[in-house]
Amino acid sequence: MTSEQNQNALHGITLEAIVTALEAHYGWEKLGQLIAIRCFQSEPSVKSSLKFLRKTPWAREKVEALYLRTKLR
């Protein structure tokens, strides 16, 4: 394992696990308020959110940062 992976707090955590944990903790409405992206505000689902977040690095960074701040690990 490289030292970069050792220092990555998200190493081994899937994006699906992150989105699922955030949705369970906050709910879609609050999540859409905290991170103003359409996949959380208009007909949200884990599947649609993952599709968007995998294509949109800036949005994924916001979701990962919220996950780390929330300390759901």
N, C-alpha and C. Protein backbone atom coordinates (compact mmCIF):
# COMPACT_ATOMS: atom_id res chain seq x y z
N MET A 1 0.84 -1.17 0.00
CA MET A 1 0.00 0.00 0.00
C MET A 1 0.90 1.24 0.00
N THR A 2 0.59 2.21 -0.80
CA THR A 2 1.41 3.41 -0.88
C THR A 2 1.07 4.35 0.27
N SER A 3 2.00 5.26 0.54
CA SER A 3 1.76 6.22 1.62
C SER A 3 0.59 7.15 1.29
N GLU A 4 0.37 7.40 -0.01
CA GLU A 4 -0.75 8.24 -0.42
C GLU A 4 -2.07 7.59 -0.01
N GLN A 5 -2.18 6.28 -0.19
CA GLN A 5 -3.39 5.57 0.20
C GLN A 5 -3.55 5.54 1.72
N ASN A 6 -2.44 5.44 2.44
CA ASN A 6 -2.49 5.44 3.90
C ASN A 6 -3.07 6.74 4.43
N GLN A 7 -2.82 7.84 3.75
CA GLN A 7 -3.27 9.14 4.21
C GLN A 7 -4.63 9.53 3.63
N ASN A 8 -5.17 8.74 2.73
CA ASN A 8 -6.47 9.03 2.14
C ASN A 8 -7.55 8.47 3.06
N ALA A 9 -8.29 9.35 3.72
CA ALA A 9 -9.31 8.93 4.68
C ALA A 9 -10.44 8.16 4.02
N LEU A 10 -10.58 8.28 2.71
CA LEU A 10 -11.66 7.61 1.99
C LEU A 10 -11.22 6.30 1.34
N HIS A 11 -9.99 5.92 1.55
CA HIS A 11 -9.48 4.69 0.93
C HIS A 11 -10.32 3.49 1.39
N GLY A 12 -10.82 2.74 0.42
CA GLY A 12 -11.61 1.55 0.71
C GLY A 12 -13.10 1.80 0.89
N ILE A 13 -13.52 3.06 0.81
CA ILE A 13 -14.94 3.39 0.95
C ILE A 13 -15.48 3.72 -0.44
N THR A 14 -16.51 3.01 -0.86
CA THR A 14 -17.06 3.25 -2.19
C THR A 14 -17.92 4.50 -2.21
N LEU A 15 -18.06 5.07 -3.39
CA LEU A 15 -18.93 6.23 -3.55
C LEU A 15 -20.37 5.87 -3.19
N GLU A 16 -20.78 4.67 -3.53
CA GLU A 16 -22.13 4.23 -3.17
C GLU A 16 -22.32 4.20 -1.66
N ALA A 17 -21.33 3.74 -0.93
CA ALA A 17 -21.41 3.71 0.53
C ALA A 17 -21.49 5.13 1.10
N ILE A 18 -20.76 6.04 0.50
CA ILE A 18 -20.76 7.44 0.95
C ILE A 18 -22.14 8.06 0.75
N VAL A 19 -22.68 7.92 -0.46
CA VAL A 19 -23.99 8.50 -0.77
C VAL A 19 -25.08 7.87 0.10
N THR A 20 -25.02 6.57 0.26
CA THR A 20 -26.02 5.87 1.07
C THR A 20 -25.97 6.33 2.52
N ALA A 21 -24.77 6.48 3.07
CA ALA A 21 -24.61 6.92 4.46
C ALA A 21 -25.10 8.36 4.64
N LEU A 22 -24.76 9.22 3.70
CA LEU A 22 -25.20 10.62 3.80
C LEU A 22 -26.72 10.73 3.69
N GLU A 23 -27.31 9.95 2.79
CA GLU A 23 -28.77 9.98 2.64
C GLU A 23 -29.45 9.46 3.90
N ALA A 24 -28.91 8.42 4.50
CA ALA A 24 -29.48 7.87 5.72
C ALA A 24 -29.36 8.86 6.88
N HIS A 25 -28.27 9.59 6.92
CA HIS A 25 -28.02 10.54 8.01
C HIS A 25 -28.83 11.83 7.85
N TYR A 26 -28.80 12.40 6.65
CA TYR A 26 -29.43 13.70 6.41
C TYR A 26 -30.81 13.62 5.75
N GLY A 27 -31.03 12.62 4.90
CA GLY A 27 -32.22 12.59 4.05
C GLY A 27 -31.95 13.40 2.80
N TRP A 28 -32.71 13.14 1.75
CA TRP A 28 -32.47 13.81 0.46
C TRP A 28 -32.69 15.32 0.53
N GLU A 29 -33.71 15.74 1.25
CA GLU A 29 -34.02 17.18 1.30
C GLU A 29 -32.87 17.98 1.91
N LYS A 30 -32.40 17.56 3.06
CA LYS A 30 -31.30 18.25 3.73
C LYS A 30 -30.01 18.12 2.92
N LEU A 31 -29.78 16.97 2.33
CA LEU A 31 -28.59 16.77 1.50
C LEU A 31 -28.61 17.74 0.32
N GLY A 32 -29.78 17.94 -0.28
CA GLY A 32 -29.93 18.88 -1.39
C GLY A 32 -29.71 20.32 -0.95
N GLN A 33 -29.97 20.62 0.31
CA GLN A 33 -29.71 21.96 0.83
C GLN A 33 -28.22 22.16 1.12
N LEU A 34 -27.59 21.13 1.64
CA LEU A 34 -26.17 21.21 1.97
C LEU A 34 -25.28 21.24 0.73
N ILE A 35 -25.67 20.47 -0.27
CA ILE A 35 -24.93 20.42 -1.54
C ILE A 35 -25.96 20.64 -2.64
N ALA A 36 -25.97 21.83 -3.18
CA ALA A 36 -27.01 22.21 -4.14
C ALA A 36 -26.71 21.65 -5.53
N ILE A 37 -26.99 20.37 -5.69
CA ILE A 37 -26.89 19.74 -7.00
C ILE A 37 -28.21 19.03 -7.29
N ARG A 38 -28.61 19.07 -8.54
CA ARG A 38 -29.93 18.59 -8.94
C ARG A 38 -30.18 17.12 -8.59
N CYS A 39 -29.14 16.29 -8.64
CA CYS A 39 -29.36 14.87 -8.36
C CYS A 39 -29.80 14.63 -6.92
N PHE A 40 -29.60 15.61 -6.03
CA PHE A 40 -30.09 15.51 -4.66
C PHE A 40 -31.41 16.23 -4.46
N GLN A 41 -31.80 17.07 -5.42
CA GLN A 41 -32.97 17.92 -5.24
C GLN A 41 -34.18 17.51 -6.06
N SER A 42 -33.97 16.92 -7.22
CA SER A 42 -35.07 16.58 -8.12
C SER A 42 -35.12 15.07 -8.34
N GLU A 43 -36.11 14.43 -7.77
CA GLU A 43 -36.29 12.97 -7.87
C GLU A 43 -34.99 12.23 -7.53
N PRO A 44 -34.47 12.43 -6.32
CA PRO A 44 -33.19 11.83 -5.95
C PRO A 44 -33.26 10.32 -5.76
N SER A 45 -32.18 9.68 -6.10
CA SER A 45 -31.99 8.25 -5.82
C SER A 45 -30.50 8.00 -5.77
N VAL A 46 -30.11 6.92 -5.14
CA VAL A 46 -28.69 6.57 -5.07
C VAL A 46 -28.16 6.34 -6.48
N LYS A 47 -28.92 5.62 -7.31
CA LYS A 47 -28.47 5.29 -8.66
C LYS A 47 -28.22 6.55 -9.50
N SER A 48 -29.17 7.49 -9.50
CA SER A 48 -28.99 8.71 -10.31
C SER A 48 -27.87 9.57 -9.75
N SER A 49 -27.73 9.60 -8.44
CA SER A 49 -26.66 10.38 -7.82
C SER A 49 -25.30 9.83 -8.19
N LEU A 50 -25.16 8.51 -8.13
CA LEU A 50 -23.88 7.89 -8.49
C LEU A 50 -23.52 8.17 -9.94
N LYS A 51 -24.49 8.09 -10.82
CA LYS A 51 -24.25 8.35 -12.25
C LYS A 51 -23.70 9.76 -12.44
N PHE A 52 -24.33 10.74 -11.78
CA PHE A 52 -23.90 12.13 -11.90
C PHE A 52 -22.53 12.34 -11.24
N LEU A 53 -22.37 11.85 -10.03
CA LEU A 53 -21.13 12.10 -9.28
C LEU A 53 -19.92 11.46 -9.94
N ARG A 54 -20.10 10.33 -10.59
CA ARG A 54 -18.96 9.68 -11.27
C ARG A 54 -18.49 10.48 -12.48
N LYS A 55 -19.38 11.29 -13.04
CA LYS A 55 -19.03 12.09 -14.22
C LYS A 55 -18.61 13.52 -13.86
N THR A 56 -18.82 13.92 -12.60
CA THR A 56 -18.64 15.32 -12.23
C THR A 56 -17.71 15.44 -11.02
N PRO A 57 -16.42 15.60 -11.27
CA PRO A 57 -15.44 15.61 -10.18
C PRO A 57 -15.68 16.67 -9.11
N TRP A 58 -16.10 17.88 -9.49
CA TRP A 58 -16.30 18.92 -8.48
C TRP A 58 -17.44 18.56 -7.52
N ALA A 59 -18.48 17.92 -8.03
CA ALA A 59 -19.60 17.53 -7.18
C ALA A 59 -19.19 16.37 -6.27
N ARG A 60 -18.44 15.45 -6.82
CA ARG A 60 -17.96 14.31 -6.02
C ARG A 60 -17.08 14.80 -4.87
N GLU A 61 -16.23 15.78 -5.15
CA GLU A 61 -15.37 16.35 -4.10
C GLU A 61 -16.20 16.95 -2.97
N LYS A 62 -17.29 17.62 -3.31
CA LYS A 62 -18.17 18.21 -2.29
C LYS A 62 -18.82 17.13 -1.44
N VAL A 63 -19.27 16.06 -2.09
CA VAL A 63 -19.91 14.95 -1.37
C VAL A 63 -18.90 14.26 -0.46
N GLU A 64 -17.71 14.02 -0.95
CA GLU A 64 -16.69 13.37 -0.14
C GLU A 64 -16.29 14.25 1.04
N ALA A 65 -16.19 15.56 0.83
CA ALA A 65 -15.83 16.48 1.90
C ALA A 65 -16.93 16.50 2.98
N LEU A 66 -18.19 16.50 2.56
CA LEU A 66 -19.28 16.46 3.53
C LEU A 66 -19.23 15.17 4.32
N TYR A 67 -18.96 14.07 3.67
CA TYR A 67 -18.85 12.77 4.35
C TYR A 67 -17.77 12.81 5.41
N LEU A 68 -16.62 13.38 5.07
CA LEU A 68 -15.52 13.45 6.03
C LEU A 68 -15.86 14.38 7.19
N ARG A 69 -16.53 15.50 6.91
CA ARG A 69 -16.93 16.43 7.97
C ARG A 69 -17.98 15.82 8.89
N THR A 70 -18.84 15.00 8.33
CA THR A 70 -19.93 14.40 9.08
C THR A 70 -19.44 13.26 9.97
N LYS A 71 -18.33 12.67 9.63
CA LYS A 71 -17.71 11.58 10.42
C LYS A 71 -18.66 10.40 10.58
N LEU A 72 -19.14 9.90 9.47
CA LEU A 72 -20.03 8.74 9.49
C LEU A 72 -19.25 7.43 9.43
N ARG A 73 -17.96 7.51 9.35
CA ARG A 73 -17.12 6.31 9.23
C ARG A 73 -17.08 5.53 10.51
